């Protein structure tokens, strides 16, 4: 998994690509997300998941933790463009509304 962070006016945009399966990449993502949120005030955190492949329970946990971090810093969390596998997983787990999937 790779993640790129981009600061836009009052918004943090994050593009994820690859498989979300936890591990070292997920830990790096969590640390980087917290660093970005700590250094500036964002009204919104948008995660672009269009290039995400397979997602397991650890990947879902990563997204939930990102949402929690955003909310702790007063930012709205939106998950954009989830692929079919992620959409199905969000529906099965009833996380579509919680993660703000659009």
PDB file of N, CA and C in Angstrom:
ATOM      1  N   UNK A   1       0.830  -1.169   0.000  1.00  0.00           N
ATOM      2  CA  UNK A   1       0.000   0.000   0.000  1.00  0.00           C
ATOM      3  C   UNK A   1       0.882   1.243   0.000  1.00  0.00           C
ATOM      4  N   UNK A   2       0.472   2.223  -0.752  1.00  0.00           N
ATOM      5  CA  UNK A   2       1.136   3.518  -0.709  1.00  0.00           C
ATOM      6  C   UNK A   2       0.097   4.589  -0.408  1.00  0.00           C
ATOM      7  N   UNK A   3       0.559   5.664   0.165  1.00  0.00           N
ATOM      8  CA  UNK A   3      -0.334   6.784   0.459  1.00  0.00           C
ATOM      9  C   UNK A   3       0.387   8.078   0.142  1.00  0.00           C
ATOM     10  N   UNK A   4      -0.342   8.998  -0.478  1.00  0.00           N
ATOM     11  CA  UNK A   4       0.200  10.327  -0.725  1.00  0.00           C
ATOM     12  C   UNK A   4      -0.740  11.347  -0.090  1.00  0.00           C
ATOM     13  N   UNK A   5      -0.152  12.341   0.537  1.00  0.00           N
ATOM     14  CA  UNK A   5      -0.897  13.367   1.256  1.00  0.00           C
ATOM     15  C   UNK A   5      -0.737  14.688   0.528  1.00  0.00           C
ATOM     16  N   UNK A   6      -1.848  15.410   0.419  1.00  0.00           N
ATOM     17  CA  UNK A   6      -1.827  16.710  -0.262  1.00  0.00           C
ATOM     18  C   UNK A   6      -2.662  17.697   0.548  1.00  0.00           C
ATOM     19  N   UNK A   7      -2.069  18.837   0.855  1.00  0.00           N
ATOM     20  CA  UNK A   7      -2.779  19.876   1.577  1.00  0.00           C
ATOM     21  C   UNK A   7      -3.452  20.804   0.581  1.00  0.00           C
ATOM     22  N   UNK A   8      -4.762  20.941   0.731  1.00  0.00           N
ATOM     23  CA  UNK A   8      -5.556  21.870  -0.066  1.00  0.00           C
ATOM     24  C   UNK A   8      -6.168  22.875   0.903  1.00  0.00           C
ATOM     25  N   UNK A   9      -6.769  23.948   0.416  1.00  0.00           N
ATOM     26  CA  UNK A   9      -7.372  24.913   1.341  1.00  0.00           C
ATOM     27  C   UNK A   9      -8.358  24.236   2.296  1.00  0.00           C
ATOM     28  N   UNK A  10      -8.031  24.238   3.571  1.00  0.00           N
ATOM     29  CA  UNK A  10      -8.817  23.681   4.683  1.00  0.00           C
ATOM     30  C   UNK A  10      -9.143  22.187   4.533  1.00  0.00           C
ATOM     31  N   UNK A  11      -8.407  21.494   3.669  1.00  0.00           N
ATOM     32  CA  UNK A  11      -8.701  20.088   3.420  1.00  0.00           C
ATOM     33  C   UNK A  11      -7.401  19.301   3.263  1.00  0.00           C
ATOM     34  N   UNK A  12      -7.395  18.094   3.808  1.00  0.00           N
ATOM     35  CA  UNK A  12      -6.288  17.162   3.610  1.00  0.00           C
ATOM     36  C   UNK A  12      -6.791  16.055   2.695  1.00  0.00           C
ATOM     37  N   UNK A  13      -6.128  15.888   1.557  1.00  0.00           N
ATOM     38  CA  UNK A  13      -6.500  14.858   0.593  1.00  0.00           C
ATOM     39  C   UNK A  13      -5.442  13.763   0.644  1.00  0.00           C
ATOM     40  N   UNK A  14      -5.916  12.519   0.783  1.00  0.00           N
ATOM     41  CA  UNK A  14      -5.017  11.376   0.858  1.00  0.00           C
ATOM     42  C   UNK A  14      -5.413  10.389  -0.237  1.00  0.00           C
ATOM     43  N   UNK A  15      -4.445   9.992  -1.049  1.00  0.00           N
ATOM     44  CA  UNK A  15      -4.688   9.007  -2.099  1.00  0.00           C
ATOM     45  C   UNK A  15      -4.035   7.700  -1.659  1.00  0.00           C
ATOM     46  N   UNK A  16      -4.844   6.648  -1.579  1.00  0.00           N
ATOM     47  CA  UNK A  16      -4.350   5.322  -1.228  1.00  0.00           C
ATOM     48  C   UNK A  16      -4.304   4.459  -2.473  1.00  0.00           C
ATOM     49  N   UNK A  17      -3.311   3.600  -2.560  1.00  0.00           N
ATOM     50  CA  UNK A  17      -3.259   2.654  -3.675  1.00  0.00           C
ATOM     51  C   UNK A  17      -2.653   1.350  -3.174  1.00  0.00           C
ATOM     52  N   UNK A  18      -3.051   0.254  -3.824  1.00  0.00           N
ATOM     53  CA  UNK A  18      -2.580  -1.063  -3.428  1.00  0.00           C
ATOM     54  C   UNK A  18      -3.547  -1.732  -2.474  1.00  0.00           C
ATOM     55  N   UNK A  19      -3.093  -2.805  -1.851  1.00  0.00           N
ATOM     56  CA  UNK A  19      -3.922  -3.573  -0.925  1.00  0.00           C
ATOM     57  C   UNK A  19      -3.813  -3.007   0.485  1.00  0.00           C
ATOM     58  N   UNK A  20      -4.963  -2.893   1.156  1.00  0.00           N
ATOM     59  CA  UNK A  20      -4.996  -2.427   2.544  1.00  0.00           C
ATOM     60  C   UNK A  20      -5.087  -3.662   3.432  1.00  0.00           C
ATOM     61  N   UNK A  21      -3.927  -4.112   3.916  1.00  0.00           N
ATOM     62  CA  UNK A  21      -3.904  -5.357   4.687  1.00  0.00           C
ATOM     63  C   UNK A  21      -3.149  -5.209   6.001  1.00  0.00           C
ATOM     64  N   UNK A  22      -2.930  -4.008   6.457  1.00  0.00           N
ATOM     65  CA  UNK A  22      -2.249  -3.791   7.726  1.00  0.00           C
ATOM     66  C   UNK A  22      -0.743  -3.837   7.572  1.00  0.00           C
ATOM     67  N   UNK A  23      -0.060  -4.152   8.649  1.00  0.00           N
ATOM     68  CA  UNK A  23       1.392  -4.265   8.628  1.00  0.00           C
ATOM     69  C   UNK A  23       2.102  -2.928   8.701  1.00  0.00           C
ATOM     70  N   UNK A  24       3.345  -2.934   8.251  1.00  0.00           N
ATOM     71  CA  UNK A  24       4.205  -1.751   8.345  1.00  0.00           C
ATOM     72  C   UNK A  24       3.648  -0.560   7.567  1.00  0.00           C
ATOM     73  N   UNK A  25       3.054  -0.815   6.397  1.00  0.00           N
ATOM     74  CA  UNK A  25       2.490   0.288   5.608  1.00  0.00           C
ATOM     75  C   UNK A  25       1.346   0.971   6.354  1.00  0.00           C
ATOM     76  N   UNK A  26       0.528   0.195   7.022  1.00  0.00           N
ATOM     77  CA  UNK A  26      -0.589   0.760   7.786  1.00  0.00           C
ATOM     78  C   UNK A  26      -0.077   1.579   8.967  1.00  0.00           C
ATOM     79  N   UNK A  27       0.972   1.088   9.619  1.00  0.00           N
ATOM     80  CA  UNK A  27       1.548   1.835  10.738  1.00  0.00           C
ATOM     81  C   UNK A  27       2.132   3.160  10.249  1.00  0.00           C
ATOM     82  N   UNK A  28       2.845   3.111   9.128  1.00  0.00           N
ATOM     83  CA  UNK A  28       3.412   4.337   8.555  1.00  0.00           C
ATOM     84  C   UNK A  28       2.300   5.316   8.186  1.00  0.00           C
ATOM     85  N   UNK A  29       1.210   4.809   7.592  1.00  0.00           N
ATOM     86  CA  UNK A  29       0.079   5.651   7.233  1.00  0.00           C
ATOM     87  C   UNK A  29      -0.509   6.326   8.472  1.00  0.00           C
ATOM     88  N   UNK A  30      -0.712   5.560   9.540  1.00  0.00           N
ATOM     89  CA  UNK A  30      -1.301   6.110  10.761  1.00  0.00           C
ATOM     90  C   UNK A  30      -0.430   7.212  11.345  1.00  0.00           C
ATOM     91  N   UNK A  31       0.867   6.985  11.387  1.00  0.00           N
ATOM     92  CA  UNK A  31       1.790   7.989  11.925  1.00  0.00           C
ATOM     93  C   UNK A  31       1.780   9.246  11.056  1.00  0.00           C
ATOM     94  N   UNK A  32       1.851   9.068   9.746  1.00  0.00           N
ATOM     95  CA  UNK A  32       1.865  10.210   8.824  1.00  0.00           C
ATOM     96  C   UNK A  32       0.558  10.998   8.914  1.00  0.00           C
ATOM     97  N   UNK A  33      -0.560  10.281   9.012  1.00  0.00           N
ATOM     98  CA  UNK A  33      -1.863  10.955   9.138  1.00  0.00           C
ATOM     99  C   UNK A  33      -1.891  11.819  10.396  1.00  0.00           C
ATOM    100  N   UNK A  34      -1.455  11.279  11.512  1.00  0.00           N
ATOM    101  CA  UNK A  34      -1.442  12.049  12.761  1.00  0.00           C
ATOM    102  C   UNK A  34      -0.508  13.255  12.660  1.00  0.00           C
ATOM    103  N   UNK A  35       0.634  13.091  12.002  1.00  0.00           N
ATOM    104  CA  UNK A  35       1.564  14.215  11.834  1.00  0.00           C
ATOM    105  C   UNK A  35       0.932  15.340  11.030  1.00  0.00           C
ATOM    106  N   UNK A  36       0.279  14.999   9.914  1.00  0.00           N
ATOM    107  CA  UNK A  36      -0.374  16.015   9.088  1.00  0.00           C
ATOM    108  C   UNK A  36      -1.477  16.724   9.878  1.00  0.00           C
ATOM    109  N   UNK A  37      -2.273  15.963  10.614  1.00  0.00           N
ATOM    110  CA  UNK A  37      -3.377  16.560  11.369  1.00  0.00           C
ATOM    111  C   UNK A  37      -2.868  17.442  12.503  1.00  0.00           C
ATOM    112  N   UNK A  38      -1.719  17.112  13.068  1.00  0.00           N
ATOM    113  CA  UNK A  38      -1.170  17.894  14.168  1.00  0.00           C
ATOM    114  C   UNK A  38      -0.542  19.202  13.695  1.00  0.00           C
ATOM    115  N   UNK A  39      -0.058  19.237  12.452  1.00  0.00           N
ATOM    116  CA  UNK A  39       0.668  20.434  12.005  1.00  0.00           C
ATOM    117  C   UNK A  39      -0.224  21.526  11.433  1.00  0.00           C
ATOM    118  N   UNK A  40      -1.480  21.206  11.115  1.00  0.00           N
ATOM    119  CA  UNK A  40      -2.359  22.215  10.530  1.00  0.00           C
ATOM    120  C   UNK A  40      -3.805  21.896  10.875  1.00  0.00           C
ATOM    121  N   UNK A  41      -4.676  22.882  10.719  1.00  0.00           N
ATOM    122  CA  UNK A  41      -6.104  22.720  10.981  1.00  0.00           C
ATOM    123  C   UNK A  41      -6.799  22.423   9.663  1.00  0.00           C
ATOM    124  N   UNK A  42      -7.486  21.301   9.611  1.00  0.00           N
ATOM    125  CA  UNK A  42      -8.241  20.916   8.422  1.00  0.00           C
ATOM    126  C   UNK A  42      -9.702  20.756   8.798  1.00  0.00           C
ATOM    127  N   UNK A  43     -10.589  21.236   7.936  1.00  0.00           N
ATOM    128  CA  UNK A  43     -12.020  21.040   8.142  1.00  0.00           C
ATOM    129  C   UNK A  43     -12.458  19.666   7.669  1.00  0.00           C
ATOM    130  N   UNK A  44     -11.668  19.111   6.742  1.00  0.00           N
ATOM    131  CA  UNK A  44     -12.086  17.869   6.097  1.00  0.00           C
ATOM    132  C   UNK A  44     -10.864  17.028   5.730  1.00  0.00           C
ATOM    133  N   UNK A  45     -11.012  15.717   5.893  1.00  0.00           N
ATOM    134  CA  UNK A  45     -10.015  14.752   5.430  1.00  0.00           C
ATOM    135  C   UNK A  45     -10.712  13.881   4.394  1.00  0.00           C
ATOM    136  N   UNK A  46     -10.191  13.898   3.176  1.00  0.00           N
ATOM    137  CA  UNK A  46     -10.767  13.100   2.095  1.00  0.00           C
ATOM    138  C   UNK A  46      -9.792  12.007   1.705  1.00  0.00           C
ATOM    139  N   UNK A  47     -10.265  10.770   1.745  1.00  0.00           N
ATOM    140  CA  UNK A  47      -9.461   9.620   1.356  1.00  0.00           C
ATOM    141  C   UNK A  47      -9.941   9.152  -0.011  1.00  0.00           C
ATOM    142  N   UNK A  48      -9.062   9.172  -0.990  1.00  0.00           N
ATOM    143  CA  UNK A  48      -9.372   8.684  -2.335  1.00  0.00           C
ATOM    144  C   UNK A  48      -8.938   7.221  -2.397  1.00  0.00           C
ATOM    145  N   UNK A  49      -9.921   6.322  -2.503  1.00  0.00           N
ATOM    146  CA  UNK A  49      -9.646   4.879  -2.498  1.00  0.00           C
ATOM    147  C   UNK A  49      -9.818   4.242  -3.874  1.00  0.00           C
ATOM    148  N   UNK A  50      -9.810   5.054  -4.921  1.00  0.00           N
ATOM    149  CA  UNK A  50     -10.048   4.536  -6.275  1.00  0.00           C
ATOM    150  C   UNK A  50      -8.994   3.513  -6.702  1.00  0.00           C
ATOM    151  N   UNK A  51      -7.775   3.638  -6.189  1.00  0.00           N
ATOM    152  CA  UNK A  51      -6.690   2.745  -6.604  1.00  0.00           C
ATOM    153  C   UNK A  51      -6.418   1.638  -5.583  1.00  0.00           C
ATOM    154  N   UNK A  52      -7.359   1.442  -4.667  1.00  0.00           N
ATOM    155  CA  UNK A  52      -7.206   0.403  -3.648  1.00  0.00           C
ATOM    156  C   UNK A  52      -7.672  -0.926  -4.214  1.00  0.00           C
ATOM    157  N   UNK A  53      -6.893  -1.961  -3.950  1.00  0.00           N
ATOM    158  CA  UNK A  53      -7.249  -3.317  -4.380  1.00  0.00           C
ATOM    159  C   UNK A  53      -7.981  -4.048  -3.271  1.00  0.00           C
ATOM    160  N   UNK A  54      -7.362  -5.095  -2.760  1.00  0.00           N
ATOM    161  CA  UNK A  54      -7.941  -5.935  -1.709  1.00  0.00           C
ATOM    162  C   UNK A  54      -7.879  -5.228  -0.363  1.00  0.00           C
ATOM    163  N   UNK A  55      -8.928  -5.404   0.441  1.00  0.00           N
ATOM    164  CA  UNK A  55      -8.979  -4.845   1.791  1.00  0.00           C
ATOM    165  C   UNK A  55      -9.403  -5.961   2.745  1.00  0.00           C
ATOM    166  N   UNK A  56      -8.624  -6.159   3.819  1.00  0.00           N
ATOM    167  CA  UNK A  56      -9.013  -7.130   4.830  1.00  0.00           C
ATOM    168  C   UNK A  56      -9.435  -6.394   6.101  1.00  0.00           C
ATOM    169  N   UNK A  57      -9.632  -7.124   7.186  1.00  0.00           N
ATOM    170  CA  UNK A  57     -10.092  -6.495   8.425  1.00  0.00           C
ATOM    171  C   UNK A  57      -9.076  -5.499   8.969  1.00  0.00           C
ATOM    172  N   UNK A  58      -7.800  -5.757   8.785  1.00  0.00           N
ATOM    173  CA  UNK A  58      -6.771  -4.800   9.222  1.00  0.00           C
ATOM    174  C   UNK A  58      -6.853  -3.515   8.411  1.00  0.00           C
ATOM    175  N   UNK A  59      -7.144  -3.638   7.114  1.00  0.00           N
ATOM    176  CA  UNK A  59      -7.323  -2.462   6.270  1.00  0.00           C
ATOM    177  C   UNK A  59      -8.524  -1.643   6.705  1.00  0.00           C
ATOM    178  N   UNK A  60      -9.615  -2.322   7.056  1.00  0.00           N
ATOM    179  CA  UNK A  60     -10.783  -1.611   7.581  1.00  0.00           C
ATOM    180  C   UNK A  60     -10.427  -0.893   8.881  1.00  0.00           C
ATOM    181  N   UNK A  61      -9.688  -1.574   9.727  1.00  0.00           N
ATOM    182  CA  UNK A  61      -9.260  -0.960  10.979  1.00  0.00           C
ATOM    183  C   UNK A  61      -8.428   0.282  10.742  1.00  0.00           C
ATOM    184  N   UNK A  62      -7.598   0.243   9.715  1.00  0.00           N
ATOM    185  CA  UNK A  62      -6.774   1.387   9.351  1.00  0.00           C
ATOM    186  C   UNK A  62      -7.652   2.583   8.974  1.00  0.00           C
ATOM    187  N   UNK A  63      -8.705   2.331   8.193  1.00  0.00           N
ATOM    188  CA  UNK A  63      -9.610   3.410   7.787  1.00  0.00           C
ATOM    189  C   UNK A  63     -10.397   3.951   8.979  1.00  0.00           C
ATOM    190  N   UNK A  64     -10.817   3.067   9.862  1.00  0.00           N
ATOM    191  CA  UNK A  64     -11.547   3.497  11.058  1.00  0.00           C
ATOM    192  C   UNK A  64     -10.636   4.341  11.953  1.00  0.00           C
ATOM    193  N   UNK A  65      -9.379   3.933  12.102  1.00  0.00           N
ATOM    194  CA  UNK A  65      -8.424   4.709  12.901  1.00  0.00           C
ATOM    195  C   UNK A  65      -8.165   6.079  12.270  1.00  0.00           C
ATOM    196  N   UNK A  66      -8.109   6.136  10.944  1.00  0.00           N
ATOM    197  CA  UNK A  66      -7.914   7.416  10.251  1.00  0.00           C
ATOM    198  C   UNK A  66      -9.111   8.334  10.504  1.00  0.00           C
ATOM    199  N   UNK A  67     -10.299   7.766  10.466  1.00  0.00           N
ATOM    200  CA  UNK A  67     -11.506   8.540  10.757  1.00  0.00           C
ATOM    201  C   UNK A  67     -11.449   9.086  12.183  1.00  0.00           C
ATOM    202  N   UNK A  68     -11.060   8.231  13.118  1.00  0.00           N
ATOM    203  CA  UNK A  68     -10.967   8.643  14.515  1.00  0.00           C
ATOM    204  C   UNK A  68      -9.967   9.788  14.676  1.00  0.00           C
ATOM    205  N   UNK A  69      -8.827   9.681  14.037  1.00  0.00           N
ATOM    206  CA  UNK A  69      -7.810  10.746  14.111  1.00  0.00           C
ATOM    207  C   UNK A  69      -8.359  12.050  13.550  1.00  0.00           C
ATOM    208  N   UNK A  70      -9.042  11.967  12.412  1.00  0.00           N
ATOM    209  CA  UNK A  70      -9.627  13.166  11.811  1.00  0.00           C
ATOM    210  C   UNK A  70     -10.622  13.813  12.764  1.00  0.00           C
ATOM    211  N   UNK A  71     -11.500  13.004  13.338  1.00  0.00           N
ATOM    212  CA  UNK A  71     -12.513  13.545  14.243  1.00  0.00           C
ATOM    213  C   UNK A  71     -11.893  14.149  15.496  1.00  0.00           C
ATOM    214  N   UNK A  72     -10.832  13.528  16.002  1.00  0.00           N
ATOM    215  CA  UNK A  72     -10.157  14.079  17.183  1.00  0.00           C
ATOM    216  C   UNK A  72      -9.579  15.462  16.909  1.00  0.00           C
ATOM    217  N   UNK A  73      -9.304  15.750  15.647  1.00  0.00           N
ATOM    218  CA  UNK A  73      -8.773  17.059  15.263  1.00  0.00           C
ATOM    219  C   UNK A  73      -9.866  17.959  14.676  1.00  0.00           C
ATOM    220  N   UNK A  74     -11.123  17.572  14.842  1.00  0.00           N
ATOM    221  CA  UNK A  74     -12.245  18.400  14.412  1.00  0.00           C
ATOM    222  C   UNK A  74     -12.510  18.397  12.924  1.00  0.00           C
ATOM    223  N   UNK A  75     -12.021  17.390  12.210  1.00  0.00           N
ATOM    224  CA  UNK A  75     -12.194  17.336  10.756  1.00  0.00           C
ATOM    225  C   UNK A  75     -13.225  16.273  10.372  1.00  0.00           C
ATOM    226  N   UNK A  76     -13.996  16.592   9.368  1.00  0.00           N
ATOM    227  CA  UNK A  76     -14.929  15.633   8.780  1.00  0.00           C
ATOM    228  C   UNK A  76     -14.114  14.615   7.977  1.00  0.00           C
ATOM    229  N   UNK A  77     -14.556  13.366   7.949  1.00  0.00           N
ATOM    230  CA  UNK A  77     -13.856  12.294   7.238  1.00  0.00           C
ATOM    231  C   UNK A  77     -14.739  11.776   6.118  1.00  0.00           C
ATOM    232  N   UNK A  78     -14.206  11.751   4.901  1.00  0.00           N
ATOM    233  CA  UNK A  78     -14.946  11.259   3.737  1.00  0.00           C
ATOM    234  C   UNK A  78     -14.081  10.250   2.983  1.00  0.00           C
ATOM    235  N   UNK A  79     -14.655   9.108   2.660  1.00  0.00           N
ATOM    236  CA  UNK A  79     -13.988   8.084   1.860  1.00  0.00           C
ATOM    237  C   UNK A  79     -14.563   8.144   0.449  1.00  0.00           C
ATOM    238  N   UNK A  80     -13.718   8.512  -0.527  1.00  0.00           N
ATOM    239  CA  UNK A  80     -14.155   8.660  -1.919  1.00  0.00           C
ATOM    240  C   UNK A  80     -13.771   7.447  -2.760  1.00  0.00           C
ATOM    241  N   UNK A  81     -14.616   7.117  -3.685  1.00  0.00           N
ATOM    242  CA  UNK A  81     -14.348   6.160  -4.757  1.00  0.00           C
ATOM    243  C   UNK A  81     -13.881   4.776  -4.302  1.00  0.00           C
ATOM    244  N   UNK A  82     -14.554   4.191  -3.303  1.00  0.00           N
ATOM    245  CA  UNK A  82     -14.155   2.828  -2.942  1.00  0.00           C
ATOM    246  C   UNK A  82     -14.484   1.870  -4.080  1.00  0.00           C
ATOM    247  N   UNK A  83     -13.590   0.916  -4.329  1.00  0.00           N
ATOM    248  CA  UNK A  83     -13.828  -0.097  -5.355  1.00  0.00           C
ATOM    249  C   UNK A  83     -14.908  -1.075  -4.917  1.00  0.00           C
ATOM    250  N   UNK A  84     -15.251  -2.001  -5.799  1.00  0.00           N
ATOM    251  CA  UNK A  84     -16.333  -2.942  -5.528  1.00  0.00           C
ATOM    252  C   UNK A  84     -16.081  -3.787  -4.278  1.00  0.00           C
ATOM    253  N   UNK A  85     -14.876  -4.315  -4.130  1.00  0.00           N
ATOM    254  CA  UNK A  85     -14.588  -5.164  -2.971  1.00  0.00           C
ATOM    255  C   UNK A  85     -14.710  -4.372  -1.679  1.00  0.00           C
ATOM    256  N   UNK A  86     -14.188  -3.155  -1.662  1.00  0.00           N
ATOM    257  CA  UNK A  86     -14.292  -2.318  -0.472  1.00  0.00           C
ATOM    258  C   UNK A  86     -15.744  -1.915  -0.222  1.00  0.00           C
ATOM    259  N   UNK A  87     -16.486  -1.561  -1.263  1.00  0.00           N
ATOM    260  CA  UNK A  87     -17.909  -1.237  -1.104  1.00  0.00           C
ATOM    261  C   UNK A  87     -18.657  -2.395  -0.464  1.00  0.00           C
ATOM    262  N   UNK A  88     -18.427  -3.614  -0.977  1.00  0.00           N
ATOM    263  CA  UNK A  88     -19.102  -4.789  -0.423  1.00  0.00           C
ATOM    264  C   UNK A  88     -18.732  -4.998   1.038  1.00  0.00           C
ATOM    265  N   UNK A  89     -17.468  -4.835   1.348  1.00  0.00           N
ATOM    266  CA  UNK A  89     -16.996  -4.992   2.723  1.00  0.00           C
ATOM    267  C   UNK A  89     -17.632  -3.944   3.637  1.00  0.00           C
ATOM    268  N   UNK A  90     -17.730  -2.724   3.167  1.00  0.00           N
ATOM    269  CA  UNK A  90     -18.363  -1.658   3.953  1.00  0.00           C
ATOM    270  C   UNK A  90     -19.841  -1.957   4.174  1.00  0.00           C
ATOM    271  N   UNK A  91     -20.512  -2.466   3.156  1.00  0.00           N
ATOM    272  CA  UNK A  91     -21.935  -2.816   3.296  1.00  0.00           C
ATOM    273  C   UNK A  91     -22.129  -3.968   4.275  1.00  0.00           C
ATOM    274  N   UNK A  92     -21.322  -5.008   4.141  1.00  0.00           N
ATOM    275  CA  UNK A  92     -21.437  -6.177   5.016  1.00  0.00           C
ATOM    276  C   UNK A  92     -21.203  -5.798   6.472  1.00  0.00           C
ATOM    277  N   UNK A  93     -20.238  -4.949   6.706  1.00  0.00           N
ATOM    278  CA  UNK A  93     -19.879  -4.559   8.079  1.00  0.00           C
ATOM    279  C   UNK A  93     -20.671  -3.356   8.577  1.00  0.00           C
ATOM    280  N   UNK A  94     -21.548  -2.824   7.744  1.00  0.00           N
ATOM    281  CA  UNK A  94     -22.374  -1.657   8.099  1.00  0.00           C
ATOM    282  C   UNK A  94     -21.526  -0.412   8.411  1.00  0.00           C
ATOM    283  N   UNK A  95     -20.404  -0.266   7.709  1.00  0.00           N
ATOM    284  CA  UNK A  95     -19.512   0.865   7.945  1.00  0.00           C
ATOM    285  C   UNK A  95     -19.629   1.952   6.874  1.00  0.00           C
ATOM    286  N   UNK A  96     -20.528   1.780   5.925  1.00  0.00           N
ATOM    287  CA  UNK A  96     -20.646   2.752   4.828  1.00  0.00           C
ATOM    288  C   UNK A  96     -20.887   4.160   5.357  1.00  0.00           C
ATOM    289  N   UNK A  97     -21.867   4.322   6.234  1.00  0.00           N
ATOM    290  CA  UNK A  97     -22.178   5.657   6.749  1.00  0.00           C
ATOM    291  C   UNK A  97     -21.109   6.154   7.710  1.00  0.00           C
ATOM    292  N   UNK A  98     -20.559   5.255   8.511  1.00  0.00           N
ATOM    293  CA  UNK A  98     -19.550   5.656   9.489  1.00  0.00           C
ATOM    294  C   UNK A  98     -18.313   6.219   8.802  1.00  0.00           C
ATOM    295  N   UNK A  99     -17.910   5.583   7.706  1.00  0.00           N
ATOM    296  CA  UNK A  99     -16.720   6.049   7.000  1.00  0.00           C
ATOM    297  C   UNK A  99     -17.045   7.107   5.947  1.00  0.00           C
ATOM    298  N   UNK A 100     -18.300   7.512   5.845  1.00  0.00           N
ATOM    299  CA  UNK A 100     -18.665   8.580   4.930  1.00  0.00           C
ATOM    300  C   UNK A 100     -18.378   8.234   3.473  1.00  0.00           C
ATOM    301  N   UNK A 101     -18.569   6.972   3.114  1.00  0.00           N
ATOM    302  CA  UNK A 101     -18.253   6.532   1.763  1.00  0.00           C
ATOM    303  C   UNK A 101     -19.110   7.258   0.749  1.00  0.00           C
ATOM    304  N   UNK A 102     -18.435   7.846  -0.239  1.00  0.00           N
ATOM    305  CA  UNK A 102     -19.135   8.585  -1.294  1.00  0.00           C
ATOM    306  C   UNK A 102     -18.827   7.972  -2.640  1.00  0.00           C
TER     307      UNK A 102
END
